[in-house]
Amino acid sequence: MNIKNIINKSHSLIEAKEINKISQSNMAKRIGVSPRTYTEYTRGTNEPLAMKALLNILNMLEDEDIVKIVKEWKGNADAQ
């Protein structure tokens, strides 16, 4: 699965979880990128290298370790 598909699938899963349509502009704001950048990600015209590197690293971990890291990230983001 390529980055474009991961981003689009994640976007859809978040919409389903929140039972609400989320615009690309709103999602871009949530993740801290410009709307144009997010659109490029969803179209596959631009793939963030850092995201690819992080996914490669996470792929080497067990599921529970990934959840632990993501929860720690969320805790740090909420504290800011």
PDB file of N, CA and C in Angstrom:
ATOM      1  N   MET A   1       0.853  -1.175   0.000  1.00  0.00           N
ATOM      2  CA  MET A   1       0.000   0.000   0.000  1.00  0.00           C
ATOM      3  C   MET A   1       0.895   1.233   0.000  1.00  0.00           C
ATOM      4  N   ASN A   2       0.600   2.187  -0.860  1.00  0.00           N
ATOM      5  CA  ASN A   2       1.419   3.387  -0.919  1.00  0.00           C
ATOM      6  C   ASN A   2       0.909   4.448   0.064  1.00  0.00           C
ATOM      7  N   ILE A   3       1.689   5.505   0.238  1.00  0.00           N
ATOM      8  CA  ILE A   3       1.366   6.568   1.189  1.00  0.00           C
ATOM      9  C   ILE A   3       0.007   7.185   0.880  1.00  0.00           C
ATOM     10  N   LYS A   4      -0.262   7.441  -0.386  1.00  0.00           N
ATOM     11  CA  LYS A   4      -1.539   8.035  -0.796  1.00  0.00           C
ATOM     12  C   LYS A   4      -2.704   7.195  -0.283  1.00  0.00           C
ATOM     13  N   ASN A   5      -2.627   5.904  -0.470  1.00  0.00           N
ATOM     14  CA  ASN A   5      -3.704   5.012  -0.032  1.00  0.00           C
ATOM     15  C   ASN A   5      -3.820   4.974   1.489  1.00  0.00           C
ATOM     16  N   ILE A   6      -2.695   5.006   2.179  1.00  0.00           N
ATOM     17  CA  ILE A   6      -2.712   5.006   3.646  1.00  0.00           C
ATOM     18  C   ILE A   6      -3.379   6.282   4.158  1.00  0.00           C
ATOM     19  N   ILE A   7      -3.037   7.419   3.570  1.00  0.00           N
ATOM     20  CA  ILE A   7      -3.631   8.696   3.989  1.00  0.00           C
ATOM     21  C   ILE A   7      -5.133   8.703   3.706  1.00  0.00           C
ATOM     22  N   ASN A   8      -5.524   8.292   2.512  1.00  0.00           N
ATOM     23  CA  ASN A   8      -6.946   8.286   2.159  1.00  0.00           C
ATOM     24  C   ASN A   8      -7.745   7.303   3.011  1.00  0.00           C
ATOM     25  N   LYS A   9      -7.192   6.131   3.251  1.00  0.00           N
ATOM     26  CA  LYS A   9      -7.880   5.145   4.086  1.00  0.00           C
ATOM     27  C   LYS A   9      -7.996   5.659   5.526  1.00  0.00           C
ATOM     28  N   SER A  10      -6.923   6.261   6.037  1.00  0.00           N
ATOM     29  CA  SER A  10      -6.949   6.814   7.394  1.00  0.00           C
ATOM     30  C   SER A  10      -7.987   7.917   7.503  1.00  0.00           C
ATOM     31  N   HIS A  11      -8.050   8.776   6.501  1.00  0.00           N
ATOM     32  CA  HIS A  11      -9.039   9.859   6.475  1.00  0.00           C
ATOM     33  C   HIS A  11     -10.451   9.272   6.553  1.00  0.00           C
ATOM     34  N   SER A  12     -10.717   8.260   5.763  1.00  0.00           N
ATOM     35  CA  SER A  12     -12.037   7.618   5.757  1.00  0.00           C
ATOM     36  C   SER A  12     -12.355   6.969   7.097  1.00  0.00           C
ATOM     37  N   LEU A  13     -11.371   6.325   7.709  1.00  0.00           N
ATOM     38  CA  LEU A  13     -11.587   5.680   9.007  1.00  0.00           C
ATOM     39  C   LEU A  13     -11.888   6.711  10.095  1.00  0.00           C
ATOM     40  N   ILE A  14     -11.214   7.859  10.035  1.00  0.00           N
ATOM     41  CA  ILE A  14     -11.478   8.924  11.010  1.00  0.00           C
ATOM     42  C   ILE A  14     -12.889   9.469  10.810  1.00  0.00           C
ATOM     43  N   GLU A  15     -13.302   9.654   9.555  1.00  0.00           N
ATOM     44  CA  GLU A  15     -14.664  10.109   9.288  1.00  0.00           C
ATOM     45  C   GLU A  15     -15.687   9.115   9.837  1.00  0.00           C
ATOM     46  N   ALA A  16     -15.450   7.831   9.636  1.00  0.00           N
ATOM     47  CA  ALA A  16     -16.372   6.806  10.129  1.00  0.00           C
ATOM     48  C   ALA A  16     -16.422   6.811  11.655  1.00  0.00           C
ATOM     49  N   LYS A  17     -15.261   6.956  12.274  1.00  0.00           N
ATOM     50  CA  LYS A  17     -15.186   6.972  13.739  1.00  0.00           C
ATOM     51  C   LYS A  17     -15.933   8.165  14.314  1.00  0.00           C
ATOM     52  N   GLU A  18     -15.787   9.310  13.682  1.00  0.00           N
ATOM     53  CA  GLU A  18     -16.408  10.532  14.172  1.00  0.00           C
ATOM     54  C   GLU A  18     -17.830  10.725  13.635  1.00  0.00           C
ATOM     55  N   ILE A  19     -18.247   9.834  12.729  1.00  0.00           N
ATOM     56  CA  ILE A  19     -19.560   9.904  12.082  1.00  0.00           C
ATOM     57  C   ILE A  19     -19.799  11.317  11.542  1.00  0.00           C
ATOM     58  N   ASN A  20     -18.817  11.787  10.800  1.00  0.00           N
ATOM     59  CA  ASN A  20     -18.875  13.142  10.276  1.00  0.00           C
ATOM     60  C   ASN A  20     -17.955  13.257   9.068  1.00  0.00           C
ATOM     61  N   LYS A  21     -18.374  13.986   8.058  1.00  0.00           N
ATOM     62  CA  LYS A  21     -17.521  14.255   6.896  1.00  0.00           C
ATOM     63  C   LYS A  21     -16.464  15.282   7.300  1.00  0.00           C
ATOM     64  N   ILE A  22     -15.218  15.027   6.943  1.00  0.00           N
ATOM     65  CA  ILE A  22     -14.119  15.936   7.270  1.00  0.00           C
ATOM     66  C   ILE A  22     -13.510  16.426   5.962  1.00  0.00           C
ATOM     67  N   SER A  23     -13.505  17.727   5.772  1.00  0.00           N
ATOM     68  CA  SER A  23     -12.935  18.284   4.549  1.00  0.00           C
ATOM     69  C   SER A  23     -11.415  18.095   4.554  1.00  0.00           C
ATOM     70  N   GLN A  24     -10.829  18.139   3.372  1.00  0.00           N
ATOM     71  CA  GLN A  24      -9.378  18.051   3.273  1.00  0.00           C
ATOM     72  C   GLN A  24      -8.740  19.237   3.978  1.00  0.00           C
ATOM     73  N   SER A  25      -9.353  20.397   3.884  1.00  0.00           N
ATOM     74  CA  SER A  25      -8.831  21.586   4.542  1.00  0.00           C
ATOM     75  C   SER A  25      -8.813  21.410   6.066  1.00  0.00           C
ATOM     76  N   ASN A  26      -9.892  20.852   6.611  1.00  0.00           N
ATOM     77  CA  ASN A  26      -9.966  20.618   8.050  1.00  0.00           C
ATOM     78  C   ASN A  26      -8.935  19.585   8.479  1.00  0.00           C
ATOM     79  N   MET A  27      -8.796  18.521   7.704  1.00  0.00           N
ATOM     80  CA  MET A  27      -7.820  17.481   8.057  1.00  0.00           C
ATOM     81  C   MET A  27      -6.409  18.039   7.985  1.00  0.00           C
ATOM     82  N   ALA A  28      -6.139  18.866   6.992  1.00  0.00           N
ATOM     83  CA  ALA A  28      -4.819  19.493   6.873  1.00  0.00           C
ATOM     84  C   ALA A  28      -4.511  20.302   8.127  1.00  0.00           C
ATOM     85  N   LYS A  29      -5.491  21.067   8.587  1.00  0.00           N
ATOM     86  CA  LYS A  29      -5.305  21.872   9.800  1.00  0.00           C
ATOM     87  C   LYS A  29      -5.038  20.969  11.004  1.00  0.00           C
ATOM     88  N   ARG A  30      -5.772  19.877  11.107  1.00  0.00           N
ATOM     89  CA  ARG A  30      -5.595  18.940  12.229  1.00  0.00           C
ATOM     90  C   ARG A  30      -4.178  18.369  12.293  1.00  0.00           C
ATOM     91  N   ILE A  31      -3.609  18.083  11.127  1.00  0.00           N
ATOM     92  CA  ILE A  31      -2.282  17.450  11.129  1.00  0.00           C
ATOM     93  C   ILE A  31      -1.142  18.441  10.951  1.00  0.00           C
ATOM     94  N   GLY A  32      -1.488  19.721  10.782  1.00  0.00           N
ATOM     95  CA  GLY A  32      -0.456  20.753  10.753  1.00  0.00           C
ATOM     96  C   GLY A  32       0.249  20.959   9.432  1.00  0.00           C
ATOM     97  N   VAL A  33      -0.487  20.734   8.333  1.00  0.00           N
ATOM     98  CA  VAL A  33       0.073  21.018   7.010  1.00  0.00           C
ATOM     99  C   VAL A  33      -0.890  21.932   6.267  1.00  0.00           C
ATOM    100  N   SER A  34      -0.429  22.513   5.176  1.00  0.00           N
ATOM    101  CA  SER A  34      -1.308  23.381   4.395  1.00  0.00           C
ATOM    102  C   SER A  34      -2.332  22.522   3.639  1.00  0.00           C
ATOM    103  N   PRO A  35      -3.483  23.106   3.328  1.00  0.00           N
ATOM    104  CA  PRO A  35      -4.471  22.355   2.536  1.00  0.00           C
ATOM    105  C   PRO A  35      -3.901  21.858   1.203  1.00  0.00           C
ATOM    106  N   ARG A  36      -3.072  22.678   0.562  1.00  0.00           N
ATOM    107  CA  ARG A  36      -2.475  22.259  -0.715  1.00  0.00           C
ATOM    108  C   ARG A  36      -1.575  21.032  -0.520  1.00  0.00           C
ATOM    109  N   THR A  37      -0.778  21.053   0.542  1.00  0.00           N
ATOM    110  CA  THR A  37       0.104  19.912   0.824  1.00  0.00           C
ATOM    111  C   THR A  37      -0.712  18.651   1.060  1.00  0.00           C
ATOM    112  N   TYR A  38      -1.784  18.773   1.847  1.00  0.00           N
ATOM    113  CA  TYR A  38      -2.621  17.599   2.125  1.00  0.00           C
ATOM    114  C   TYR A  38      -3.249  17.065   0.840  1.00  0.00           C
ATOM    115  N   THR A  39      -3.709  17.961  -0.014  1.00  0.00           N
ATOM    116  CA  THR A  39      -4.275  17.541  -1.296  1.00  0.00           C
ATOM    117  C   THR A  39      -3.234  16.795  -2.126  1.00  0.00           C
ATOM    118  N   GLU A  40      -1.999  17.294  -2.132  1.00  0.00           N
ATOM    119  CA  GLU A  40      -0.930  16.610  -2.858  1.00  0.00           C
ATOM    120  C   GLU A  40      -0.677  15.223  -2.272  1.00  0.00           C
ATOM    121  N   TYR A  41      -0.751  15.097  -0.954  1.00  0.00           N
ATOM    122  CA  TYR A  41      -0.586  13.783  -0.325  1.00  0.00           C
ATOM    123  C   TYR A  41      -1.694  12.830  -0.775  1.00  0.00           C
ATOM    124  N   THR A  42      -2.942  13.316  -0.763  1.00  0.00           N
ATOM    125  CA  THR A  42      -4.067  12.436  -1.097  1.00  0.00           C
ATOM    126  C   THR A  42      -4.084  12.055  -2.573  1.00  0.00           C
ATOM    127  N   ARG A  43      -3.509  12.893  -3.415  1.00  0.00           N
ATOM    128  CA  ARG A  43      -3.434  12.588  -4.850  1.00  0.00           C
ATOM    129  C   ARG A  43      -2.202  11.754  -5.202  1.00  0.00           C
ATOM    130  N   GLY A  44      -1.251  11.709  -4.291  1.00  0.00           N
ATOM    131  CA  GLY A  44      -0.034  10.963  -4.556  1.00  0.00           C
ATOM    132  C   GLY A  44       0.998  11.746  -5.342  1.00  0.00           C
ATOM    133  N   THR A  45       0.795  13.054  -5.515  1.00  0.00           N
ATOM    134  CA  THR A  45       1.773  13.868  -6.242  1.00  0.00           C
ATOM    135  C   THR A  45       2.959  14.228  -5.365  1.00  0.00           C
ATOM    136  N   ASN A  46       2.792  14.074  -4.064  1.00  0.00           N
ATOM    137  CA  ASN A  46       3.871  14.344  -3.120  1.00  0.00           C
ATOM    138  C   ASN A  46       3.796  13.306  -2.003  1.00  0.00           C
ATOM    139  N   GLU A  47       4.925  12.687  -1.688  1.00  0.00           N
ATOM    140  CA  GLU A  47       4.988  11.720  -0.597  1.00  0.00           C
ATOM    141  C   GLU A  47       6.014  12.204   0.419  1.00  0.00           C
ATOM    142  N   PRO A  48       5.559  12.464   1.642  1.00  0.00           N
ATOM    143  CA  PRO A  48       6.493  12.941   2.657  1.00  0.00           C
ATOM    144  C   PRO A  48       7.492  11.848   3.041  1.00  0.00           C
ATOM    145  N   LEU A  49       8.770  12.135   2.866  1.00  0.00           N
ATOM    146  CA  LEU A  49       9.806  11.144   3.165  1.00  0.00           C
ATOM    147  C   LEU A  49       9.815  10.751   4.639  1.00  0.00           C
ATOM    148  N   ALA A  50       9.571  11.716   5.515  1.00  0.00           N
ATOM    149  CA  ALA A  50       9.560  11.404   6.945  1.00  0.00           C
ATOM    150  C   ALA A  50       8.446  10.412   7.278  1.00  0.00           C
ATOM    151  N   MET A  51       7.300  10.544   6.618  1.00  0.00           N
ATOM    152  CA  MET A  51       6.198   9.620   6.862  1.00  0.00           C
ATOM    153  C   MET A  51       6.571   8.215   6.399  1.00  0.00           C
ATOM    154  N   LYS A  52       7.223   8.137   5.257  1.00  0.00           N
ATOM    155  CA  LYS A  52       7.661   6.830   4.763  1.00  0.00           C
ATOM    156  C   LYS A  52       8.667   6.197   5.726  1.00  0.00           C
ATOM    157  N   ALA A  53       9.595   7.005   6.232  1.00  0.00           N
ATOM    158  CA  ALA A  53      10.600   6.491   7.172  1.00  0.00           C
ATOM    159  C   ALA A  53       9.937   6.014   8.456  1.00  0.00           C
ATOM    160  N   LEU A  54       8.998   6.811   8.974  1.00  0.00           N
ATOM    161  CA  LEU A  54       8.307   6.426  10.203  1.00  0.00           C
ATOM    162  C   LEU A  54       7.512   5.139  10.013  1.00  0.00           C
ATOM    163  N   LEU A  55       6.815   5.013   8.896  1.00  0.00           N
ATOM    164  CA  LEU A  55       6.064   3.781   8.636  1.00  0.00           C
ATOM    165  C   LEU A  55       6.995   2.577   8.530  1.00  0.00           C
ATOM    166  N   ASN A  56       8.154   2.767   7.931  1.00  0.00           N
ATOM    167  CA  ASN A  56       9.131   1.671   7.861  1.00  0.00           C
ATOM    168  C   ASN A  56       9.608   1.263   9.247  1.00  0.00           C
ATOM    169  N   ILE A  57       9.834   2.251  10.119  1.00  0.00           N
ATOM    170  CA  ILE A  57      10.253   1.951  11.491  1.00  0.00           C
ATOM    171  C   ILE A  57       9.131   1.232  12.242  1.00  0.00           C
ATOM    172  N   LEU A  58       7.912   1.778  12.161  1.00  0.00           N
ATOM    173  CA  LEU A  58       6.781   1.161  12.864  1.00  0.00           C
ATOM    174  C   LEU A  58       6.526  -0.255  12.380  1.00  0.00           C
ATOM    175  N   ASN A  59       6.798  -0.509  11.121  1.00  0.00           N
ATOM    176  CA  ASN A  59       6.610  -1.835  10.557  1.00  0.00           C
ATOM    177  C   ASN A  59       7.517  -2.886  11.218  1.00  0.00           C
ATOM    178  N   MET A  60       8.604  -2.425  11.814  1.00  0.00           N
ATOM    179  CA  MET A  60       9.539  -3.340  12.477  1.00  0.00           C
ATOM    180  C   MET A  60       9.118  -3.666  13.917  1.00  0.00           C
ATOM    181  N   LEU A  61       8.062  -3.017  14.411  1.00  0.00           N
ATOM    182  CA  LEU A  61       7.630  -3.183  15.797  1.00  0.00           C
ATOM    183  C   LEU A  61       6.414  -4.086  15.908  1.00  0.00           C
ATOM    184  N   GLU A  62       6.183  -4.573  17.116  1.00  0.00           N
ATOM    185  CA  GLU A  62       4.973  -5.329  17.412  1.00  0.00           C
ATOM    186  C   GLU A  62       3.811  -4.346  17.580  1.00  0.00           C
ATOM    187  N   ASP A  63       2.594  -4.825  17.376  1.00  0.00           N
ATOM    188  CA  ASP A  63       1.411  -3.968  17.445  1.00  0.00           C
ATOM    189  C   ASP A  63       1.316  -3.194  18.758  1.00  0.00           C
ATOM    190  N   GLU A  64       1.547  -3.872  19.880  1.00  0.00           N
ATOM    191  CA  GLU A  64       1.416  -3.203  21.182  1.00  0.00           C
ATOM    192  C   GLU A  64       2.465  -2.103  21.368  1.00  0.00           C
ATOM    193  N   ASP A  65       3.624  -2.271  20.775  1.00  0.00           N
ATOM    194  CA  ASP A  65       4.650  -1.229  20.837  1.00  0.00           C
ATOM    195  C   ASP A  65       4.241  -0.009  20.004  1.00  0.00           C
ATOM    196  N   ILE A  66       3.615  -0.265  18.867  1.00  0.00           N
ATOM    197  CA  ILE A  66       3.133   0.830  18.023  1.00  0.00           C
ATOM    198  C   ILE A  66       2.063   1.623  18.762  1.00  0.00           C
ATOM    199  N   VAL A  67       1.135   0.922  19.380  1.00  0.00           N
ATOM    200  CA  VAL A  67       0.072   1.594  20.145  1.00  0.00           C
ATOM    201  C   VAL A  67       0.675   2.422  21.272  1.00  0.00           C
ATOM    202  N   LYS A  68       1.656   1.886  21.956  1.00  0.00           N
ATOM    203  CA  LYS A  68       2.319   2.601  23.051  1.00  0.00           C
ATOM    204  C   LYS A  68       2.953   3.908  22.541  1.00  0.00           C
ATOM    205  N   ILE A  69       3.650   3.834  21.434  1.00  0.00           N
ATOM    206  CA  ILE A  69       4.313   5.010  20.864  1.00  0.00           C
ATOM    207  C   ILE A  69       3.287   6.050  20.427  1.00  0.00           C
ATOM    208  N   VAL A  70       2.218   5.611  19.766  1.00  0.00           N
ATOM    209  CA  VAL A  70       1.197   6.543  19.297  1.00  0.00           C
ATOM    210  C   VAL A  70       0.496   7.219  20.477  1.00  0.00           C
ATOM    211  N   LYS A  71       0.209   6.459  21.525  1.00  0.00           N
ATOM    212  CA  LYS A  71      -0.433   7.047  22.712  1.00  0.00           C
ATOM    213  C   LYS A  71       0.496   8.044  23.393  1.00  0.00           C
ATOM    214  N   GLU A  72       1.778   7.745  23.430  1.00  0.00           N
ATOM    215  CA  GLU A  72       2.735   8.683  24.011  1.00  0.00           C
ATOM    216  C   GLU A  72       2.792   9.966  23.173  1.00  0.00           C
ATOM    217  N   TRP A  73       2.795   9.823  21.853  1.00  0.00           N
ATOM    218  CA  TRP A  73       2.782  10.982  20.961  1.00  0.00           C
ATOM    219  C   TRP A  73       1.535  11.823  21.210  1.00  0.00           C
ATOM    220  N   LYS A  74       0.375  11.148  21.311  1.00  0.00           N
ATOM    221  CA  LYS A  74      -0.875  11.868  21.551  1.00  0.00           C
ATOM    222  C   LYS A  74      -0.834  12.601  22.887  1.00  0.00           C
ATOM    223  N   GLY A  75      -0.291  11.965  23.920  1.00  0.00           N
ATOM    224  CA  GLY A  75      -0.170  12.611  25.225  1.00  0.00           C
ATOM    225  C   GLY A  75       0.690  13.846  25.175  1.00  0.00           C
ATOM    226  N   ASN A  76       1.793  13.770  24.442  1.00  0.00           N
ATOM    227  CA  ASN A  76       2.673  14.933  24.291  1.00  0.00           C
ATOM    228  C   ASN A  76       1.996  16.046  23.493  1.00  0.00           C
ATOM    229  N   ALA A  77       1.276  15.674  22.447  1.00  0.00           N
ATOM    230  CA  ALA A  77       0.587  16.665  21.613  1.00  0.00           C
ATOM    231  C   ALA A  77      -0.520  17.345  22.395  1.00  0.00           C
ATOM    232  N   ASP A  78      -1.238  16.587  23.224  1.00  0.00           N
ATOM    233  CA  ASP A  78      -2.313  17.155  24.041  1.00  0.00           C
ATOM    234  C   ASP A  78      -1.772  18.114  25.098  1.00  0.00           C
ATOM    235  N   ALA A  79      -0.558  17.847  25.577  1.00  0.00           N
ATOM    236  CA  ALA A  79       0.048  18.680  26.614  1.00  0.00           C
ATOM    237  C   ALA A  79       0.515  20.031  26.085  1.00  0.00           C
ATOM    238  N   GLN A  80       0.711  20.116  24.769  1.00  0.00           N
ATOM    239  CA  GLN A  80       1.214  21.368  24.181  1.00  0.00           C
ATOM    240  C   GLN A  80       0.135  22.304  23.926  1.00  0.00           C
TER     241      GLN A  80
END
